[in-house]
N, C-alpha and C. Protein backbone atom coordinates (compact mmCIF):
# COMPACT_ATOMS: atom_id res chain seq x y z
N MET A 1 -0.40 30.56 0.26
CA MET A 1 -1.64 30.34 0.09
C MET A 1 -2.58 30.71 1.62
N SER A 2 -3.40 31.16 0.99
CA SER A 2 -4.37 31.71 2.25
C SER A 2 -5.07 31.02 3.04
N GLY A 3 -5.41 30.97 4.33
CA GLY A 3 -5.80 30.35 5.61
C GLY A 3 -7.11 29.25 5.31
N LEU A 4 -7.77 30.21 4.11
CA LEU A 4 -9.03 29.19 3.93
C LEU A 4 -8.59 28.13 2.90
N GLN A 5 -8.04 28.67 1.81
CA GLN A 5 -6.91 27.70 0.80
C GLN A 5 -6.35 26.41 1.58
N THR A 6 -5.91 26.48 2.70
CA THR A 6 -5.00 25.78 3.07
C THR A 6 -6.10 24.82 3.81
N ARG A 7 -6.55 25.51 4.74
CA ARG A 7 -7.90 24.35 5.68
C ARG A 7 -8.66 23.28 4.34
N PHE A 8 -9.20 23.92 3.24
CA PHE A 8 -9.70 23.22 2.73
C PHE A 8 -8.97 22.62 1.80
N THR A 9 -7.65 22.45 1.14
CA THR A 9 -6.78 21.76 0.73
C THR A 9 -6.27 20.47 1.57
N THR A 10 -6.29 20.43 2.94
CA THR A 10 -5.98 19.81 3.68
C THR A 10 -7.06 18.91 4.27
N ALA A 11 -8.59 19.35 4.06
CA ALA A 11 -9.41 18.92 4.35
C ALA A 11 -9.84 17.73 3.05
N THR A 12 -9.27 17.87 2.04
CA THR A 12 -9.80 17.40 0.69
C THR A 12 -8.99 16.37 0.71
N ILE A 13 -7.37 16.65 0.78
CA ILE A 13 -6.31 15.46 0.85
C ILE A 13 -7.12 14.15 2.25
N ALA A 14 -7.32 15.09 3.34
CA ALA A 14 -7.87 14.29 4.75
C ALA A 14 -9.23 12.87 4.01
N LEU A 15 -10.10 13.51 3.23
CA LEU A 15 -11.46 12.70 2.49
C LEU A 15 -10.97 11.94 1.72
N VAL A 16 -9.65 12.19 0.86
CA VAL A 16 -9.11 11.47 -0.19
C VAL A 16 -8.60 10.20 0.84
N TRP A 17 -7.75 10.37 1.27
CA TRP A 17 -7.20 9.30 1.93
C TRP A 17 -7.88 8.77 2.94
N PHE A 18 -9.13 8.98 3.63
CA PHE A 18 -10.12 8.33 4.22
C PHE A 18 -10.85 7.59 3.04
N LEU A 19 -11.51 8.18 1.79
CA LEU A 19 -11.99 7.06 0.89
C LEU A 19 -11.24 6.13 -0.04
N LYS A 20 -9.98 6.25 -0.15
CA LYS A 20 -8.99 5.49 -0.80
C LYS A 20 -8.84 4.16 0.15
N PRO A 21 -9.30 3.16 -0.78
CA PRO A 21 -9.36 2.01 0.06
C PRO A 21 -7.69 1.54 0.41
N GLN A 22 -7.39 1.18 1.58
CA GLN A 22 -5.91 0.20 1.45
C GLN A 22 -5.66 -0.91 0.46
N MET A 23 -4.47 -0.96 0.71
CA MET A 23 -3.95 -1.72 -0.56
C MET A 23 -4.94 -3.35 -0.25
N GLU A 24 -4.95 -3.91 0.70
CA GLU A 24 -5.37 -4.90 0.89
C GLU A 24 -6.81 -5.22 0.82
N ASP A 25 -7.60 -4.03 0.95
CA ASP A 25 -8.91 -4.18 0.23
C ASP A 25 -9.03 -4.18 -1.25
N ARG A 26 -7.98 -3.58 -1.91
CA ARG A 26 -8.20 -3.56 -3.25
C ARG A 26 -7.78 -4.67 -3.58
N ILE A 27 -6.90 -5.41 -2.89
CA ILE A 27 -6.12 -6.91 -3.02
C ILE A 27 -7.32 -7.96 -3.23
N LYS A 28 -7.86 -8.12 -1.95
CA LYS A 28 -9.10 -9.15 -1.74
C LYS A 28 -9.94 -8.59 -3.10
N GLU A 29 -10.72 -7.14 -3.34
CA GLU A 29 -11.75 -6.88 -4.36
C GLU A 29 -11.08 -7.66 -5.61
N SER A 30 -9.75 -7.22 -6.16
CA SER A 30 -9.47 -8.25 -7.26
C SER A 30 -9.58 -9.53 -6.94
N LEU A 31 -9.08 -10.24 -6.25
CA LEU A 31 -8.97 -11.50 -5.78
C LEU A 31 -10.59 -12.08 -6.00
N ILE A 32 -11.68 -11.54 -5.46
CA ILE A 32 -12.86 -12.01 -5.58
C ILE A 32 -13.36 -11.92 -7.24
N ALA A 33 -13.34 -11.28 -7.70
CA ALA A 33 -13.35 -10.62 -9.49
C ALA A 33 -12.60 -11.61 -9.80
N LEU A 34 -11.66 -11.89 -9.77
CA LEU A 34 -10.68 -13.00 -10.42
C LEU A 34 -11.31 -14.41 -10.20
N LEU A 35 -11.36 -14.74 -9.33
CA LEU A 35 -11.98 -15.91 -8.98
C LEU A 35 -13.25 -16.40 -9.83
N ASP A 36 -14.15 -15.14 -9.38
CA ASP A 36 -15.63 -15.28 -9.92
C ASP A 36 -15.08 -15.67 -11.66
N GLY A 37 -14.45 -14.60 -12.18
CA GLY A 37 -14.20 -15.18 -13.80
C GLY A 37 -13.63 -16.35 -14.01
N ILE A 38 -12.92 -16.94 -13.03
CA ILE A 38 -12.46 -18.38 -13.51
C ILE A 38 -13.42 -18.84 -13.16
N LYS A 39 -14.71 -18.65 -12.00
CA LYS A 39 -15.71 -20.26 -12.12
C LYS A 39 -16.47 -19.68 -13.32
N ARG A 40 -16.48 -18.17 -13.66
CA ARG A 40 -17.59 -18.12 -15.09
C ARG A 40 -16.73 -18.21 -16.65
N SER A 41 -15.72 -19.00 -16.63
CA SER A 41 -14.87 -19.13 -17.49
C SER A 41 -14.88 -17.67 -18.22
N ASN A 42 -14.48 -16.49 -17.82
CA ASN A 42 -14.40 -15.63 -18.13
C ASN A 42 -12.63 -14.81 -18.57
N GLY A 43 -12.19 -15.39 -19.97
CA GLY A 43 -10.97 -15.11 -20.12
C GLY A 43 -10.61 -13.39 -20.01
N LEU A 44 -11.23 -12.86 -20.21
CA LEU A 44 -11.17 -10.86 -20.27
C LEU A 44 -10.69 -10.65 -18.93
N VAL A 45 -11.93 -10.78 -17.74
CA VAL A 45 -11.64 -10.82 -16.35
C VAL A 45 -10.53 -11.57 -15.70
N ILE A 46 -10.21 -12.35 -16.36
CA ILE A 46 -9.18 -13.37 -15.83
C ILE A 46 -7.97 -12.32 -15.62
N ALA A 47 -7.87 -12.12 -17.24
CA ALA A 47 -6.97 -11.47 -17.55
C ALA A 47 -6.23 -9.94 -17.52
N SER A 48 -7.29 -9.47 -17.04
CA SER A 48 -7.55 -8.32 -16.16
C SER A 48 -7.12 -8.19 -14.98
N GLN A 49 -7.74 -9.05 -14.16
CA GLN A 49 -7.74 -9.43 -13.16
C GLN A 49 -5.97 -9.65 -12.02
N MET A 50 -5.70 -10.36 -13.33
CA MET A 50 -4.28 -11.24 -12.83
C MET A 50 -3.25 -9.97 -12.89
N ALA A 51 -4.09 -9.14 -14.24
CA ALA A 51 -2.52 -7.59 -14.01
C ALA A 51 -2.49 -6.96 -13.20
N THR A 52 -3.89 -6.66 -12.67
CA THR A 52 -4.39 -5.70 -11.65
C THR A 52 -3.44 -6.37 -10.71
N LEU A 53 -3.24 -7.42 -9.39
CA LEU A 53 -2.84 -7.88 -8.81
C LEU A 53 -1.53 -7.90 -8.75
N ASP A 54 -0.71 -8.41 -10.29
CA ASP A 54 0.59 -7.88 -10.46
C ASP A 54 1.23 -6.58 -9.99
N GLY A 55 -0.04 -5.74 -10.74
CA GLY A 55 0.44 -4.43 -10.31
C GLY A 55 0.85 -4.00 -8.77
N TYR A 56 -0.53 -3.87 -8.04
CA TYR A 56 -0.29 -4.26 -6.79
C TYR A 56 0.59 -5.14 -6.06
N LEU A 57 1.02 -5.95 -6.30
CA LEU A 57 2.03 -6.70 -6.10
C LEU A 57 3.26 -5.73 -5.95
N ASN A 58 3.58 -5.00 -7.04
CA ASN A 58 4.84 -4.48 -7.52
C ASN A 58 4.85 -3.10 -6.96
N GLU A 59 4.01 -2.53 -6.53
CA GLU A 59 3.37 -1.57 -6.05
C GLU A 59 3.23 -1.31 -4.66
N ALA A 60 2.99 -2.45 -4.03
CA ALA A 60 3.37 -2.58 -2.28
C ALA A 60 3.82 -3.62 -1.56
N ARG A 61 4.60 -4.48 -2.53
CA ARG A 61 5.40 -5.45 -2.23
C ARG A 61 6.69 -5.61 -0.93
N GLY A 62 7.06 -3.81 -0.37
CA GLY A 62 7.53 -4.00 0.51
C GLY A 62 6.77 -3.82 1.61
N SER A 63 5.17 -2.91 1.74
CA SER A 63 4.38 -2.72 2.66
C SER A 63 3.17 -4.18 3.14
N LEU A 64 3.64 -5.19 2.47
CA LEU A 64 2.40 -5.93 2.48
C LEU A 64 3.52 -7.81 3.56
N HIS A 65 2.35 -8.25 3.78
CA HIS A 65 3.00 -8.81 4.87
C HIS A 65 3.62 -10.40 4.29
N PRO A 66 4.36 -10.49 4.33
CA PRO A 66 5.49 -11.69 3.42
C PRO A 66 4.62 -12.69 2.91
N GLN A 67 3.66 -13.09 3.99
CA GLN A 67 2.92 -14.68 3.87
C GLN A 67 2.02 -13.95 2.28
N LEU A 68 1.21 -13.28 2.15
CA LEU A 68 0.51 -12.49 1.30
C LEU A 68 1.10 -12.24 0.07
N VAL A 69 2.56 -11.87 0.14
CA VAL A 69 3.55 -11.59 -0.94
C VAL A 69 3.54 -13.01 -1.48
N HIS A 70 3.79 -13.87 -0.70
CA HIS A 70 4.73 -15.48 -1.02
C HIS A 70 3.01 -15.89 -1.96
N PHE A 71 2.48 -15.83 -1.36
CA PHE A 71 0.73 -16.30 -2.42
C PHE A 71 0.73 -15.80 -3.46
N LEU A 72 0.51 -14.10 -3.44
CA LEU A 72 0.59 -13.44 -4.91
C LEU A 72 1.45 -14.04 -5.96
N GLU A 73 2.85 -13.67 -5.40
CA GLU A 73 3.89 -14.47 -6.14
C GLU A 73 3.73 -15.45 -7.11
N ARG A 74 3.36 -16.23 -6.19
CA ARG A 74 3.15 -17.87 -6.55
C ARG A 74 1.59 -18.15 -7.40
N ARG A 75 0.94 -17.09 -7.31
CA ARG A 75 -0.38 -17.35 -8.11
C ARG A 75 -1.31 -18.19 -7.27
N SER A 76 -1.23 -18.63 -5.84
CA SER A 76 -1.85 -18.96 -5.34
C SER A 76 -3.24 -18.37 -4.47
N TYR A 77 -3.75 -17.52 -5.74
CA TYR A 77 -4.94 -16.68 -5.24
C TYR A 77 -6.38 -17.34 -4.44
N PRO A 78 -6.45 -18.47 -4.25
CA PRO A 78 -7.72 -18.98 -3.19
C PRO A 78 -6.86 -18.39 -1.99
N LYS A 79 -5.39 -19.23 -1.66
CA LYS A 79 -5.09 -19.17 -0.36
C LYS A 79 -4.73 -17.33 0.02
N ALA A 80 -4.49 -16.43 -1.22
CA ALA A 80 -4.32 -14.97 -0.86
C ALA A 80 -5.81 -14.89 0.13
N LEU A 81 -6.87 -15.18 -0.69
CA LEU A 81 -8.21 -14.94 -0.11
C LEU A 81 -8.48 -15.49 0.77
N MET A 82 -8.31 -16.63 1.24
CA MET A 82 -7.96 -16.82 2.57
C MET A 82 -7.30 -16.46 3.80
N PHE A 83 -6.03 -15.56 3.19
CA PHE A 83 -5.27 -15.24 4.27
C PHE A 83 -5.61 -13.93 4.58
N LEU A 84 -6.23 -12.96 3.53
CA LEU A 84 -7.35 -11.26 3.95
C LEU A 84 -8.38 -12.07 4.70
N GLY A 85 -8.59 -13.14 4.08
CA GLY A 85 -10.23 -13.39 5.15
C GLY A 85 -9.89 -13.71 6.77
N GLY A 86 -8.30 -13.91 7.58
CA GLY A 86 -8.11 -14.01 8.30
C GLY A 86 -7.76 -15.24 8.74
N GLU A 87 -8.19 -16.41 8.25
CA GLU A 87 -7.85 -18.19 8.21
C GLU A 87 -6.81 -18.23 8.38
N SER A 88 -6.67 -19.37 9.85
CA SER A 88 -5.36 -19.53 9.94
C SER A 88 -5.38 -21.31 9.63
N ASP A 89 -6.08 -21.67 8.52
CA ASP A 89 -6.08 -23.28 8.61
C ASP A 89 -5.71 -23.39 7.25
N ILE A 90 -4.52 -22.65 6.28
CA ILE A 90 -4.38 -22.57 4.90
C ILE A 90 -3.53 -23.68 4.81
N PRO A 91 -4.33 -24.48 3.60
CA PRO A 91 -3.50 -25.90 3.10
C PRO A 91 -2.18 -25.47 2.90
N ALA A 92 -1.20 -26.43 3.06
CA ALA A 92 0.19 -26.34 3.09
C ALA A 92 0.43 -26.86 1.74
N GLY A 93 1.18 -25.89 0.69
CA GLY A 93 1.15 -26.25 -0.54
C GLY A 93 2.66 -27.44 -1.04
N SER A 94 2.60 -26.93 -2.04
CA SER A 94 3.94 -27.82 -2.56
C SER A 94 5.31 -26.73 -2.01
N CYS A 95 5.01 -25.62 -1.07
CA CYS A 95 6.58 -25.05 -0.92
C CYS A 95 6.55 -25.34 0.92
N GLY A 96 5.31 -25.67 1.12
CA GLY A 96 5.22 -26.36 2.94
C GLY A 96 4.46 -25.36 3.60
N GLY A 97 3.66 -24.28 3.57
CA GLY A 97 2.50 -23.80 4.30
C GLY A 97 3.22 -22.99 5.10
N ARG A 98 2.29 -22.73 5.56
CA ARG A 98 2.34 -22.09 7.25
C ARG A 98 2.96 -22.99 8.45
N ALA A 99 3.68 -22.77 9.36
CA ALA A 99 4.22 -23.95 10.22
C ALA A 99 3.20 -24.01 11.30
């Protein structure tokens, strides 16, 4: 590769990385869309966003915070959104919630 090609390739990779949303941002966007779909009783949006969230969980399980994984696994989507919003007073569920 020439020096120009190398610089172009490096710059392209850096730009793609910079523009690529982080996984938690993508999860948050899907959660917002899902909860909006639920509010509007839109079954297609609900099914699509739940599948998207399952895919994100499978893809990034090892790099996500364990509490977020817990909420996504149990489909506690409002709690997952609260967690991503930085809220600390997430109500305990049947599993006991945060200590």
